[in-house]
N, C-alpha and C. Protein backbone atom coordinates (compact mmCIF):
# COMPACT_ATOMS: atom_id res chain seq x y z
N MET A 1 -2.62 5.24 -24.10
CA MET A 1 -1.48 5.31 -24.58
C MET A 1 -0.36 4.66 -24.05
N PRO A 2 0.28 3.74 -25.86
CA PRO A 2 1.25 3.00 -25.00
C PRO A 2 2.31 3.31 -24.20
N ARG A 3 3.82 3.73 -23.99
CA ARG A 3 4.94 4.06 -23.39
C ARG A 3 6.05 3.40 -23.77
N GLY A 4 6.57 4.72 -24.25
CA GLY A 4 8.16 4.31 -25.55
C GLY A 4 9.07 3.64 -24.09
N PRO A 5 10.73 3.21 -24.67
CA PRO A 5 11.28 3.34 -23.19
C PRO A 5 11.50 3.95 -22.53
N LYS A 6 11.55 4.84 -22.77
CA LYS A 6 11.76 6.27 -21.16
C LYS A 6 10.27 6.58 -20.89
N GLY A 7 9.03 5.72 -20.78
CA GLY A 7 7.98 6.36 -20.23
C GLY A 7 7.36 7.03 -20.87
N GLU A 8 7.73 7.38 -21.60
CA GLU A 8 6.69 8.83 -22.28
C GLU A 8 5.70 7.99 -23.36
N ARG A 9 5.01 8.51 -23.61
CA ARG A 9 3.58 8.05 -24.00
C ARG A 9 3.21 8.70 -25.06
N ARG A 10 3.64 7.74 -26.34
CA ARG A 10 3.45 8.57 -27.57
C ARG A 10 2.46 6.98 -28.28
N PRO A 11 1.03 7.49 -29.04
CA PRO A 11 0.73 6.36 -30.37
C PRO A 11 1.35 5.71 -30.97
N ARG A 12 0.88 4.01 -31.10
CA ARG A 12 2.27 3.17 -31.84
C ARG A 12 1.91 3.38 -32.72
N ASP A 13 1.35 3.87 -33.93
CA ASP A 13 1.41 3.61 -35.77
C ASP A 13 2.08 5.42 -35.14
N VAL A 14 2.30 5.21 -37.17
CA VAL A 14 3.52 5.61 -37.52
C VAL A 14 1.66 7.59 -37.64
N ILE A 15 0.75 7.66 -38.67
CA ILE A 15 0.11 8.58 -38.35
C ILE A 15 -0.94 8.96 -37.56
N GLY A 16 -0.05 8.16 -36.80
CA GLY A 16 -1.08 9.04 -35.80
C GLY A 16 0.23 9.70 -34.55
N ASN A 17 1.20 8.96 -34.47
CA ASN A 17 3.14 9.79 -33.70
C ASN A 17 2.20 10.91 -34.53
N ALA A 18 2.46 11.55 -36.34
CA ALA A 18 2.44 12.40 -36.44
C ALA A 18 1.89 13.37 -36.39
N VAL A 19 0.32 13.05 -36.49
CA VAL A 19 -0.86 14.20 -35.39
C VAL A 19 -0.34 13.91 -34.36
N HIS A 20 -0.12 13.77 -33.81
CA HIS A 20 0.39 14.07 -31.74
C HIS A 20 1.61 14.65 -32.19
N VAL A 21 2.77 15.36 -33.27
CA VAL A 21 3.86 16.17 -33.14
C VAL A 21 3.03 16.49 -33.93
N VAL A 22 2.41 16.92 -34.42
CA VAL A 22 2.05 18.83 -35.73
C VAL A 22 1.21 18.63 -34.17
N ARG A 23 0.19 18.48 -33.60
CA ARG A 23 -0.81 18.99 -32.20
C ARG A 23 0.66 19.59 -31.06
N ILE A 24 1.75 19.14 -31.12
CA ILE A 24 2.78 19.42 -29.69
C ILE A 24 3.16 20.76 -31.32
N ALA A 25 3.41 20.74 -32.13
CA ALA A 25 3.99 21.81 -32.38
C ALA A 25 3.32 22.78 -32.72
N THR A 26 1.84 22.96 -33.16
CA THR A 26 1.73 23.81 -33.26
C THR A 26 0.78 24.53 -31.80
N GLY A 27 1.03 23.20 -30.84
CA GLY A 27 0.75 24.32 -29.60
C GLY A 27 -1.20 24.00 -29.28
N GLN A 28 -1.62 23.22 -29.79
CA GLN A 28 -3.11 22.43 -29.25
C GLN A 28 -3.08 21.47 -28.00
N ILE A 29 -1.39 20.88 -28.02
CA ILE A 29 -1.34 19.71 -26.55
C ILE A 29 0.45 20.82 -26.17
N THR A 30 0.66 19.62 -24.76
CA THR A 30 1.52 20.67 -24.32
C THR A 30 2.86 18.78 -24.31
N ASP A 31 3.90 18.48 -24.60
CA ASP A 31 4.58 17.41 -24.48
C ASP A 31 5.25 17.38 -23.00
N HIS A 32 4.57 17.52 -22.36
CA HIS A 32 4.97 16.93 -20.65
C HIS A 32 4.97 15.75 -19.96
N VAL A 33 5.88 14.53 -19.84
CA VAL A 33 6.37 13.69 -19.62
C VAL A 33 6.00 13.63 -17.83
N PRO A 34 5.44 13.06 -17.38
CA PRO A 34 4.95 13.32 -16.35
C PRO A 34 6.24 11.80 -14.74
N THR A 35 6.51 12.90 -13.73
CA THR A 35 7.36 12.50 -13.05
C THR A 35 7.03 11.00 -12.61
N PRO A 36 8.05 10.02 -12.16
CA PRO A 36 7.20 8.33 -11.30
C PRO A 36 6.23 9.51 -9.79
N GLU A 37 6.93 10.51 -9.35
CA GLU A 37 6.46 10.97 -8.15
C GLU A 37 4.62 11.50 -8.98
N GLU A 38 4.70 12.06 -9.83
CA GLU A 38 3.85 12.71 -10.25
C GLU A 38 2.80 11.65 -10.30
N GLU A 39 2.50 10.36 -10.89
CA GLU A 39 2.48 9.85 -11.52
C GLU A 39 1.69 8.28 -10.28
N GLY A 40 2.23 8.86 -8.54
CA GLY A 40 1.70 8.28 -7.35
C GLY A 40 3.21 7.54 -7.11
N LYS A 41 3.60 7.44 -7.89
CA LYS A 41 4.61 6.75 -6.87
C LYS A 41 5.12 6.95 -5.78
N ASP A 42 5.81 6.26 -4.90
CA ASP A 42 6.48 6.92 -3.42
C ASP A 42 8.52 6.65 -4.16
N PRO A 43 8.14 8.18 -3.88
CA PRO A 43 9.85 9.01 -3.90
C PRO A 43 11.01 7.48 -3.80
N ALA A 44 10.94 7.07 -2.30
CA ALA A 44 12.29 6.01 -2.22
C ALA A 44 12.32 4.83 -2.75
N ALA A 45 10.36 4.16 -3.32
CA ALA A 45 10.95 3.03 -3.77
C ALA A 45 11.64 3.78 -5.53
N VAL A 46 11.23 4.41 -5.83
CA VAL A 46 11.96 5.03 -7.03
C VAL A 46 13.07 4.87 -6.95
N ALA A 47 14.08 6.04 -5.72
CA ALA A 47 15.27 5.63 -6.51
C ALA A 47 15.62 4.61 -5.95
N LEU A 48 15.39 3.86 -5.27
CA LEU A 48 16.04 2.50 -5.03
C LEU A 48 15.75 1.73 -6.05
N GLY A 49 14.88 1.89 -7.09
CA GLY A 49 14.32 0.94 -8.31
C GLY A 49 15.80 1.49 -9.15
N ARG A 50 15.95 3.11 -9.11
CA ARG A 50 16.60 2.97 -10.18
C ARG A 50 18.73 2.47 -9.33
N LYS A 51 18.58 2.33 -7.90
CA LYS A 51 19.89 1.56 -8.21
C LYS A 51 20.33 -0.20 -7.59
N GLY A 52 18.89 -0.76 -7.89
CA GLY A 52 18.25 -1.96 -7.75
C GLY A 52 19.61 -2.76 -8.00
N GLY A 53 19.94 -3.26 -9.93
CA GLY A 53 20.60 -4.30 -10.04
C GLY A 53 21.99 -3.49 -10.24
N LYS A 54 22.72 -2.71 -10.38
CA LYS A 54 23.51 -2.43 -9.66
C LYS A 54 24.64 -2.24 -8.42
N ALA A 55 23.76 -2.32 -7.83
CA ALA A 55 23.68 -2.79 -5.78
C ALA A 55 23.67 -3.92 -5.90
N ARG A 56 23.24 -4.74 -7.15
CA ARG A 56 22.80 -6.41 -6.82
C ARG A 56 24.06 -6.54 -7.13
N ALA A 57 25.16 -6.00 -8.54
CA ALA A 57 25.88 -6.92 -8.52
C ALA A 57 27.11 -6.44 -8.22
N GLU A 58 27.30 -5.21 -7.32
CA GLU A 58 27.49 -4.98 -6.20
C GLU A 58 28.61 -6.05 -5.28
N GLY A 59 26.90 -5.99 -4.65
CA GLY A 59 27.08 -7.44 -3.88
C GLY A 59 27.35 -8.80 -3.89
N MET A 60 27.48 -9.30 -5.24
CA MET A 60 28.06 -10.90 -5.39
C MET A 60 29.49 -10.90 -6.13
N SER A 61 29.76 -11.83 -6.22
CA SER A 61 31.62 -12.69 -6.41
C SER A 61 31.35 -12.24 -8.10
N ALA A 62 32.21 -12.25 -8.56
CA ALA A 62 32.34 -12.24 -10.13
C ALA A 62 32.28 -13.57 -10.34
N LYS A 63 32.16 -15.25 -9.34
CA LYS A 63 32.53 -15.79 -10.11
C LYS A 63 31.04 -16.47 -9.82
N ARG A 64 29.16 -15.60 -9.25
CA ARG A 64 28.32 -15.65 -9.35
C ARG A 64 27.61 -14.65 -10.20
N ARG A 65 28.32 -14.05 -10.55
CA ARG A 65 28.29 -12.93 -11.98
C ARG A 65 28.07 -13.82 -13.03
N LYS A 66 29.28 -14.47 -13.47
CA LYS A 66 29.64 -14.41 -14.62
C LYS A 66 28.37 -16.17 -14.39
N GLU A 67 28.88 -16.89 -13.09
CA GLU A 67 26.74 -17.75 -12.88
C GLU A 67 25.35 -17.67 -14.14
N ILE A 68 25.63 -16.40 -13.31
CA ILE A 68 24.07 -15.81 -13.46
C ILE A 68 23.74 -15.77 -15.34
N ALA A 69 25.13 -15.33 -15.98
CA ALA A 69 24.70 -14.55 -17.12
C ALA A 69 24.99 -15.63 -18.02
N ARG A 70 25.62 -16.69 -17.62
CA ARG A 70 25.82 -17.76 -18.40
C ARG A 70 24.40 -18.40 -18.85
N ARG A 71 23.70 -18.35 -17.33
CA ARG A 71 22.16 -19.49 -17.67
C ARG A 71 21.78 -18.74 -18.53
N ALA A 72 21.47 -16.59 -18.33
CA ALA A 72 20.68 -16.21 -18.66
C ALA A 72 20.93 -16.79 -20.18
N ALA A 73 21.88 -16.01 -20.61
CA ALA A 73 23.21 -16.46 -21.95
C ALA A 73 21.96 -17.60 -22.66
N LYS A 74 22.42 -19.45 -21.70
CA LYS A 74 21.60 -20.12 -22.47
C LYS A 74 19.99 -20.35 -22.60
N ALA A 75 19.55 -19.75 -21.81
CA ALA A 75 18.09 -19.48 -21.28
C ALA A 75 17.79 -18.55 -23.02
N ARG A 76 18.11 -17.60 -23.11
CA ARG A 76 17.77 -16.45 -24.73
C ARG A 76 18.26 -17.53 -26.07
N TRP A 77 19.31 -18.30 -25.88
CA TRP A 77 19.68 -18.52 -27.30
C TRP A 77 19.09 -20.68 -26.94
N LYS A 78 18.68 -20.89 -26.45
CA LYS A 78 17.49 -22.47 -26.05
C LYS A 78 16.45 -22.33 -27.08
């Protein structure tokens, strides 16, 4: 099943999602979202991934961040 923005597993189509919600409401299935550790990922790697972009930005100068942002915007609007 596809994953949503927070990693939850939901059906793509509206009808499939409605059936899924009804099954959760009636207790036929449980609405349990597994943690990254439950999925077999390394807890240390998960922790590093959560702070990756922020830590990278703190290590850069303002000039370098602006340069990267300008290049990204140019590529996005190309």
